N, C-alpha and C. Protein backbone atom coordinates (compact mmCIF):
# COMPACT_ATOMS: atom_id res chain seq x y z
N MET A 1 -68.87 20.32 10.22
CA MET A 1 -68.11 19.20 11.30
C MET A 1 -67.59 18.15 10.60
N LYS A 2 -68.35 17.73 9.23
CA LYS A 2 -67.67 16.33 8.86
C LYS A 2 -66.49 16.92 8.30
N LYS A 3 -66.46 18.17 7.46
CA LYS A 3 -64.96 18.55 6.99
C LYS A 3 -64.14 18.67 7.76
N LYS A 4 -64.40 18.74 8.98
CA LYS A 4 -63.16 19.44 9.95
C LYS A 4 -62.84 18.02 10.63
N LEU A 5 -63.69 17.27 10.79
CA LEU A 5 -63.10 15.63 11.12
C LEU A 5 -62.34 15.00 9.89
N ILE A 6 -62.58 14.95 8.78
CA ILE A 6 -61.99 14.49 7.73
C ILE A 6 -60.63 15.12 7.57
N GLY A 7 -60.58 16.67 7.98
CA GLY A 7 -59.46 17.21 7.65
C GLY A 7 -58.31 16.98 8.74
N LEU A 8 -58.76 16.92 9.83
CA LEU A 8 -58.22 16.43 10.98
C LEU A 8 -57.67 14.88 10.91
N ALA A 9 -58.30 14.13 10.50
CA ALA A 9 -58.14 12.51 10.32
C ALA A 9 -57.04 12.68 9.48
N THR A 10 -57.08 13.20 8.19
CA THR A 10 -55.82 13.69 6.92
C THR A 10 -54.55 13.88 7.66
N VAL A 11 -54.65 15.12 8.39
CA VAL A 11 -53.64 15.51 9.21
C VAL A 11 -52.91 14.23 9.97
N SER A 12 -53.73 13.57 10.87
CA SER A 12 -53.21 12.89 11.70
C SER A 12 -52.57 11.65 10.97
N VAL A 13 -53.07 11.35 9.98
CA VAL A 13 -52.46 10.20 9.09
C VAL A 13 -51.28 10.64 8.47
N LEU A 14 -51.11 11.73 7.77
CA LEU A 14 -49.73 12.14 7.32
C LEU A 14 -48.70 12.33 8.20
N ALA A 15 -48.95 12.59 9.70
CA ALA A 15 -48.06 12.92 10.44
C ALA A 15 -47.71 11.51 11.11
N LEU A 16 -48.25 10.49 11.16
CA LEU A 16 -47.94 9.22 11.52
C LEU A 16 -47.33 8.46 10.61
N SER A 17 -47.69 8.90 9.24
CA SER A 17 -47.01 8.32 8.14
C SER A 17 -45.60 8.76 7.92
N SER A 18 -45.27 9.96 8.45
CA SER A 18 -44.06 10.62 8.39
C SER A 18 -43.21 10.16 9.44
N GLN A 19 -43.73 9.96 10.63
CA GLN A 19 -42.98 9.51 11.72
C GLN A 19 -42.39 7.95 11.42
N MET A 20 -43.47 7.29 10.91
CA MET A 20 -43.17 5.97 10.43
C MET A 20 -42.21 6.06 9.25
N ALA A 21 -42.07 6.99 8.42
CA ALA A 21 -40.77 6.90 7.30
C ALA A 21 -39.60 7.30 7.85
N SER A 22 -39.78 8.05 8.78
CA SER A 22 -38.45 8.58 9.63
C SER A 22 -37.89 7.47 10.21
N ALA A 23 -38.97 6.64 11.09
CA ALA A 23 -38.21 5.48 12.05
C ALA A 23 -37.67 4.29 11.02
N SER A 24 -38.30 4.08 9.63
CA SER A 24 -37.92 3.03 8.60
C SER A 24 -36.73 3.60 8.04
N GLU A 25 -36.20 4.79 7.89
CA GLU A 25 -35.17 5.48 7.57
C GLU A 25 -33.93 5.08 8.65
N MET A 26 -34.18 5.16 9.62
CA MET A 26 -32.94 4.60 10.69
C MET A 26 -32.67 3.29 10.59
N VAL A 27 -33.58 2.60 10.48
CA VAL A 27 -33.25 1.20 10.68
C VAL A 27 -32.15 0.61 9.72
N PRO A 28 -32.29 0.78 8.47
CA PRO A 28 -31.36 0.48 7.61
C PRO A 28 -29.76 0.80 8.18
N ALA A 29 -29.72 2.04 8.61
CA ALA A 29 -28.43 2.94 9.03
C ALA A 29 -27.89 1.97 10.29
N GLN A 30 -28.90 1.64 11.25
CA GLN A 30 -28.45 0.94 12.43
C GLN A 30 -28.09 -0.43 11.96
N ILE A 31 -28.57 -1.17 10.95
CA ILE A 31 -28.00 -2.37 10.56
C ILE A 31 -26.70 -2.35 9.85
N VAL A 32 -26.69 -1.33 9.14
CA VAL A 32 -25.37 -1.23 8.28
C VAL A 32 -24.25 -0.93 9.42
N ASP A 33 -24.46 -0.08 10.51
CA ASP A 33 -23.45 0.16 11.54
C ASP A 33 -23.26 -1.06 12.16
N ASN A 34 -24.16 -2.25 12.43
CA ASN A 34 -23.76 -3.14 13.17
C ASN A 34 -23.17 -4.37 12.49
N ASN A 35 -23.13 -4.02 11.27
CA ASN A 35 -22.59 -5.49 10.39
C ASN A 35 -21.44 -5.29 9.88
N ILE A 36 -20.63 -5.29 10.74
CA ILE A 36 -18.93 -5.33 10.43
C ILE A 36 -18.75 -7.03 10.25
N SER A 37 -18.13 -7.51 9.03
CA SER A 37 -17.89 -8.63 8.85
C SER A 37 -16.37 -8.62 9.32
N SER A 38 -16.07 -9.96 9.97
CA SER A 38 -14.69 -10.46 10.76
C SER A 38 -13.69 -10.61 9.43
N SER A 39 -14.01 -10.66 8.22
CA SER A 39 -13.06 -11.13 7.08
C SER A 39 -12.56 -9.79 6.74
N SER A 40 -13.43 -8.50 6.76
CA SER A 40 -12.89 -7.42 6.47
C SER A 40 -12.05 -6.87 7.54
N TYR A 41 -12.52 -7.22 8.69
CA TYR A 41 -11.54 -6.51 9.63
C TYR A 41 -10.00 -7.29 9.61
N GLU A 42 -10.19 -8.59 9.18
CA GLU A 42 -8.64 -9.46 9.20
C GLU A 42 -7.92 -8.55 7.88
N THR A 43 -8.60 -8.61 6.94
CA THR A 43 -7.76 -8.05 5.78
C THR A 43 -7.34 -6.80 6.09
N ALA A 44 -8.17 -5.66 6.70
CA ALA A 44 -7.48 -4.44 7.03
C ALA A 44 -6.50 -4.39 8.07
N SER A 45 -5.95 -5.47 8.88
CA SER A 45 -5.20 -5.67 9.99
C SER A 45 -3.70 -6.20 9.39
N GLN A 46 -3.91 -6.59 8.22
CA GLN A 46 -2.70 -6.96 7.49
C GLN A 46 -1.68 -6.03 7.22
N GLN A 47 -0.30 -6.21 7.37
CA GLN A 47 0.61 -5.11 7.06
C GLN A 47 1.54 -5.52 6.06
N GLU A 48 1.97 -4.77 5.07
CA GLU A 48 2.57 -4.83 3.91
C GLU A 48 4.13 -5.31 4.47
N ILE A 49 4.92 -6.24 3.80
CA ILE A 49 6.03 -6.48 4.41
C ILE A 49 7.06 -5.98 3.21
N ILE A 50 8.11 -5.13 3.99
CA ILE A 50 8.84 -4.13 3.06
C ILE A 50 10.22 -4.93 2.79
N TYR A 51 10.34 -5.22 1.39
CA TYR A 51 11.55 -5.51 0.86
C TYR A 51 12.40 -4.31 0.31
N GLY A 52 13.71 -4.31 0.64
CA GLY A 52 14.71 -3.14 -0.01
C GLY A 52 16.02 -3.60 0.06
N LEU A 53 16.88 -2.68 -0.34
CA LEU A 53 18.27 -2.78 -0.53
C LEU A 53 18.80 -1.67 0.31
N GLN A 54 20.26 -1.95 0.90
CA GLN A 54 21.02 -0.97 1.48
C GLN A 54 22.61 -1.23 0.93
N TRP A 55 23.26 -0.31 1.04
CA TRP A 55 24.75 -0.19 0.43
C TRP A 55 25.54 0.50 0.93
N ASN A 56 26.60 0.28 0.91
CA ASN A 56 27.86 1.05 1.52
C ASN A 56 27.99 2.20 0.75
N ARG A 57 28.43 3.17 1.65
CA ARG A 57 28.60 4.86 1.08
C ARG A 57 29.80 4.69 -0.22
N TYR A 58 29.82 5.40 -0.89
CA TYR A 58 30.92 5.26 -2.07
C TYR A 58 31.27 6.55 -2.11
N THR A 59 32.87 6.88 -1.95
CA THR A 59 33.48 7.98 -2.31
C THR A 59 33.11 8.68 -3.45
N ASP A 60 32.86 10.23 -3.50
CA ASP A 60 32.69 10.98 -4.62
C ASP A 60 31.20 10.55 -5.15
N ALA A 61 30.30 9.69 -4.64
CA ALA A 61 29.08 9.44 -5.10
C ALA A 61 28.11 10.63 -4.77
N THR A 62 27.45 11.18 -5.48
CA THR A 62 26.35 12.31 -5.11
C THR A 62 25.02 11.53 -5.37
N LYS A 63 24.86 10.46 -5.89
CA LYS A 63 23.40 10.06 -5.96
C LYS A 63 23.57 8.53 -6.29
N TYR A 64 22.54 7.60 -6.09
CA TYR A 64 22.61 6.38 -6.27
C TYR A 64 21.45 5.99 -7.15
N GLN A 65 21.53 5.13 -8.28
CA GLN A 65 20.51 4.56 -8.86
C GLN A 65 20.14 3.09 -8.58
N VAL A 66 18.90 2.83 -8.37
CA VAL A 66 18.48 1.32 -8.03
C VAL A 66 17.63 0.71 -9.27
N GLY A 67 17.82 -0.46 -9.28
CA GLY A 67 17.30 -1.11 -10.68
C GLY A 67 16.78 -2.59 -9.85
N LEU A 68 15.79 -3.14 -10.46
CA LEU A 68 15.09 -4.41 -10.04
C LEU A 68 14.68 -5.29 -11.10
N PHE A 69 15.22 -6.41 -10.91
CA PHE A 69 14.82 -7.73 -11.97
C PHE A 69 14.15 -8.66 -11.48
N ASP A 70 12.84 -9.12 -12.03
CA ASP A 70 12.27 -10.07 -11.36
C ASP A 70 12.75 -11.47 -12.06
N ILE A 71 13.53 -12.37 -11.46
CA ILE A 71 14.20 -13.50 -12.12
C ILE A 71 13.16 -14.39 -12.31
N THR A 72 12.03 -14.69 -11.55
CA THR A 72 11.04 -15.65 -11.56
C THR A 72 10.16 -15.15 -12.95
N ASP A 73 9.88 -13.97 -12.90
CA ASP A 73 9.29 -13.94 -14.27
C ASP A 73 10.07 -13.31 -15.54
N ASN A 74 11.29 -13.50 -15.33
CA ASN A 74 12.45 -12.78 -16.54
C ASN A 74 11.82 -11.38 -16.80
N LYS A 75 11.54 -10.51 -15.88
CA LYS A 75 11.24 -9.18 -16.19
C LYS A 75 11.62 -8.07 -15.71
N LYS A 76 12.27 -7.03 -16.17
CA LYS A 76 12.71 -5.84 -15.72
C LYS A 76 11.48 -5.02 -15.06
N ILE A 77 11.84 -4.45 -13.94
CA ILE A 77 10.64 -3.67 -13.01
C ILE A 77 10.86 -2.25 -13.04
N THR A 78 10.13 -1.53 -13.56
CA THR A 78 10.25 0.01 -13.77
C THR A 78 10.06 0.52 -12.38
N LEU A 79 11.08 1.12 -11.77
CA LEU A 79 10.49 2.00 -10.54
C LEU A 79 10.22 3.62 -10.67
N ASP A 80 9.42 4.00 -9.88
CA ASP A 80 9.02 5.15 -10.24
C ASP A 80 10.03 6.11 -9.80
N GLN A 81 10.79 6.10 -8.61
CA GLN A 81 11.88 6.99 -8.40
C GLN A 81 13.18 6.22 -8.14
N PRO A 82 13.71 5.86 -9.32
CA PRO A 82 14.82 4.96 -9.08
C PRO A 82 16.34 5.71 -8.63
N TYR A 83 16.25 7.06 -8.57
CA TYR A 83 17.42 7.63 -8.02
C TYR A 83 17.22 8.25 -6.52
N THR A 84 18.17 8.15 -5.40
CA THR A 84 18.25 8.57 -4.31
C THR A 84 19.53 9.27 -3.83
N THR A 85 19.47 9.89 -2.75
CA THR A 85 20.93 10.47 -2.21
C THR A 85 20.91 9.34 -0.68
N ASP A 86 20.01 8.81 -0.57
CA ASP A 86 20.32 7.88 0.72
C ASP A 86 21.10 6.48 0.26
N ARG A 87 21.33 5.64 1.34
CA ARG A 87 21.90 4.53 1.28
C ARG A 87 21.26 3.22 1.46
N SER A 88 19.73 3.55 1.24
CA SER A 88 18.96 2.11 1.09
C SER A 88 17.63 2.63 0.41
N TYR A 89 16.89 1.71 0.07
CA TYR A 89 15.85 2.16 -0.74
C TYR A 89 14.54 0.86 -0.63
N ASN A 90 13.45 1.21 -0.38
CA ASN A 90 12.46 0.14 -0.30
C ASN A 90 11.50 0.11 -1.60
N PHE A 91 11.38 -1.04 -1.79
CA PHE A 91 10.85 -1.62 -2.99
C PHE A 91 9.05 -1.13 -2.77
N PRO A 92 8.29 -1.10 -4.21
CA PRO A 92 7.03 -1.28 -3.75
C PRO A 92 6.82 -2.68 -3.55
N LEU A 93 5.39 -2.82 -3.27
CA LEU A 93 4.79 -4.42 -3.19
C LEU A 93 5.31 -5.29 -4.25
N LEU A 94 6.11 -6.24 -3.56
CA LEU A 94 6.61 -7.36 -4.60
C LEU A 94 5.91 -8.62 -4.51
N LYS A 95 5.98 -9.25 -5.61
CA LYS A 95 5.28 -10.44 -5.57
C LYS A 95 5.69 -11.69 -4.71
N PRO A 96 4.92 -12.47 -3.97
CA PRO A 96 5.21 -13.38 -2.93
C PRO A 96 6.02 -14.58 -3.83
N TYR A 97 7.04 -15.22 -3.11
CA TYR A 97 7.68 -16.31 -3.52
C TYR A 97 8.24 -16.20 -4.80
N HIS A 98 8.74 -14.83 -5.11
CA HIS A 98 9.59 -14.49 -6.54
C HIS A 98 11.11 -14.52 -6.04
N GLU A 99 12.00 -14.65 -6.89
CA GLU A 99 13.41 -14.25 -6.97
C GLU A 99 13.76 -13.08 -7.47
N TYR A 100 14.27 -12.33 -7.00
CA TYR A 100 14.56 -10.76 -7.53
C TYR A 100 16.08 -10.54 -7.46
N ARG A 101 16.56 -9.72 -8.55
CA ARG A 101 18.06 -9.15 -8.46
C ARG A 101 17.81 -7.86 -8.34
N GLY A 102 18.52 -7.19 -7.16
CA GLY A 102 18.58 -5.97 -7.02
C GLY A 102 19.86 -5.30 -7.27
N TRP A 103 19.95 -4.13 -8.09
CA TRP A 103 21.18 -3.47 -8.66
C TRP A 103 21.27 -1.88 -8.32
N VAL A 104 22.13 -1.69 -7.77
CA VAL A 104 22.70 -0.44 -7.04
C VAL A 104 23.94 0.43 -7.95
N GLY A 105 23.56 1.51 -8.67
CA GLY A 105 25.04 2.06 -9.10
C GLY A 105 25.19 3.55 -8.41
N ALA A 106 26.38 3.74 -8.29
CA ALA A 106 26.87 5.12 -7.94
C ALA A 106 27.21 5.94 -8.87
N TYR A 107 26.72 7.33 -8.84
CA TYR A 107 27.00 8.52 -9.78
C TYR A 107 27.77 9.66 -8.98
N ASP A 108 28.66 10.03 -9.77
CA ASP A 108 29.42 11.14 -9.33
C ASP A 108 28.58 12.60 -9.78
N SER A 109 29.19 13.79 -9.44
CA SER A 109 28.26 14.83 -9.76
C SER A 109 28.33 15.24 -11.08
N LYS A 110 29.27 14.61 -12.07
CA LYS A 110 29.21 14.78 -13.65
C LYS A 110 28.10 13.74 -14.26
N GLY A 111 27.55 12.92 -13.28
CA GLY A 111 26.53 11.89 -13.76
C GLY A 111 27.29 10.77 -14.31
N THR A 112 28.41 10.28 -13.83
CA THR A 112 29.30 9.22 -14.52
C THR A 112 29.01 8.02 -13.66
N LEU A 113 28.71 7.11 -14.02
CA LEU A 113 28.73 5.69 -13.22
C LEU A 113 30.12 5.34 -12.64
N ILE A 114 30.37 5.46 -11.48
CA ILE A 114 31.73 5.16 -10.71
C ILE A 114 31.73 3.96 -9.80
N ALA A 115 30.55 3.44 -9.71
CA ALA A 115 30.43 1.91 -9.17
C ALA A 115 29.08 1.52 -9.01
N GLN A 116 28.98 0.09 -9.00
CA GLN A 116 27.91 -0.52 -8.90
C GLN A 116 28.15 -1.96 -8.01
N GLY A 117 26.87 -2.51 -7.86
CA GLY A 117 26.77 -3.77 -7.18
C GLY A 117 25.43 -4.18 -7.37
N GLN A 118 25.50 -5.70 -7.16
CA GLN A 118 24.01 -6.27 -7.16
C GLN A 118 23.83 -7.65 -6.04
N THR A 119 22.55 -7.74 -5.91
CA THR A 119 22.42 -8.88 -5.00
C THR A 119 21.06 -9.70 -5.62
N ASN A 120 20.89 -10.96 -5.25
CA ASN A 120 19.67 -11.81 -5.45
C ASN A 120 19.15 -11.97 -4.18
N PHE A 121 17.67 -11.89 -4.11
CA PHE A 121 17.13 -12.17 -2.74
C PHE A 121 15.73 -12.76 -3.30
N LYS A 122 15.23 -13.54 -2.31
CA LYS A 122 13.78 -14.08 -2.58
C LYS A 122 12.81 -13.54 -1.44
N THR A 123 11.64 -13.68 -2.01
CA THR A 123 10.62 -12.90 -1.00
C THR A 123 9.68 -14.32 -0.60
N LYS A 124 9.27 -13.95 0.59
CA LYS A 124 8.20 -14.82 1.20
C LYS A 124 6.72 -14.35 0.86
N GLU A 125 6.15 -14.15 2.20
CA GLU A 125 4.95 -13.54 2.12
C GLU A 125 5.10 -12.19 1.92
N VAL A 126 3.92 -11.29 1.42
CA VAL A 126 4.23 -9.83 1.34
C VAL A 126 3.10 -9.03 1.98
N TRP A 127 2.21 -9.94 2.84
CA TRP A 127 1.41 -9.60 3.74
C TRP A 127 1.61 -10.24 5.13
N GLY A 128 1.67 -9.29 6.45
CA GLY A 128 1.72 -10.20 7.57
C GLY A 128 1.05 -9.45 8.81
N ASP A 129 1.06 -9.92 9.91
CA ASP A 129 0.33 -9.82 10.96
C ASP A 129 1.07 -8.26 11.91
N LYS A 130 2.53 -8.08 11.34
CA LYS A 130 3.13 -7.05 11.89
C LYS A 130 3.99 -6.45 10.78
N THR A 131 4.27 -5.08 11.02
CA THR A 131 5.41 -4.81 10.17
C THR A 131 6.93 -5.34 10.14
N GLN A 132 7.33 -5.68 9.00
CA GLN A 132 8.37 -6.28 9.10
C GLN A 132 9.27 -5.69 7.61
N VAL A 133 10.28 -5.51 8.04
CA VAL A 133 11.35 -5.19 6.83
C VAL A 133 12.61 -5.68 6.72
N PHE A 134 12.86 -5.92 5.39
CA PHE A 134 13.77 -6.93 5.04
C PHE A 134 14.73 -6.14 4.12
N ARG A 135 15.89 -5.82 4.56
CA ARG A 135 16.98 -5.03 3.28
C ARG A 135 18.10 -6.17 3.24
N PHE A 136 18.22 -6.27 1.94
CA PHE A 136 19.34 -6.94 1.48
C PHE A 136 20.81 -6.02 0.93
N GLN A 137 21.80 -6.55 1.55
CA GLN A 137 23.12 -5.72 1.40
C GLN A 137 23.56 -5.78 -0.21
N VAL A 138 23.95 -4.49 -0.51
CA VAL A 138 24.53 -4.62 -1.83
C VAL A 138 26.10 -4.04 -1.73
N GLU A 139 27.25 -4.51 -2.02
CA GLU A 139 28.34 -3.67 -1.89
C GLU A 139 28.74 -3.30 -3.26
N LEU A 140 29.09 -1.96 -3.31
CA LEU A 140 29.35 -1.19 -4.33
C LEU A 140 31.03 -1.18 -4.54
N LYS A 141 31.36 -1.71 -5.86
CA LYS A 141 32.79 -1.69 -6.49
C LYS A 141 32.63 -1.05 -7.55
N LYS A 142 34.05 -0.12 -7.65
CA LYS A 142 34.46 0.44 -8.61
C LYS A 142 34.34 -0.26 -9.89
N ASN A 143 33.90 0.49 -11.12
CA ASN A 143 33.72 -0.17 -12.29
C ASN A 143 35.05 -0.63 -12.88
C-alpha cells in the first residue's frame, strides 16, 4: 500500500510539474508579442524617397544608358542596370544632402552613341513619411 501511495504521489508531482513547465513556456511568448517598441514602428513606417532622371525621346535611339556621379564625394557610382529602353530611370537609395550629376546617352541599333545630356541635382532627405518621387529632366542633344 505504501508503494502505491508513493507511486501515485510521484505521478501527481510529474503531472503538476509538466503543467507548470507548459505554463512557463507560454509566458515569454505572450511577453514578446506584447512588447512592440514605438521606435521600431516609426522606422518601419518611413518610405524611401526616390530620385531619378527623365529625358526626351531621341529619334533612332534603341536604348539609353544612365550614369551617375556623386559631386559631393567626387566619386562615380556604378549602377547595376545602367541600360534601359524607357525614358526614365530611378536611382538606388542615394545619400542625403549630396549633389549629383546624372548623365544619359542615347544609342542606335549599332551601339553608337548618337546623343547625350546631363543635369546636376541635390538630394534632401532620403526617407520620408510618404512616398515621394523626384525626377530631374535631361535634354538629349546630338553629339
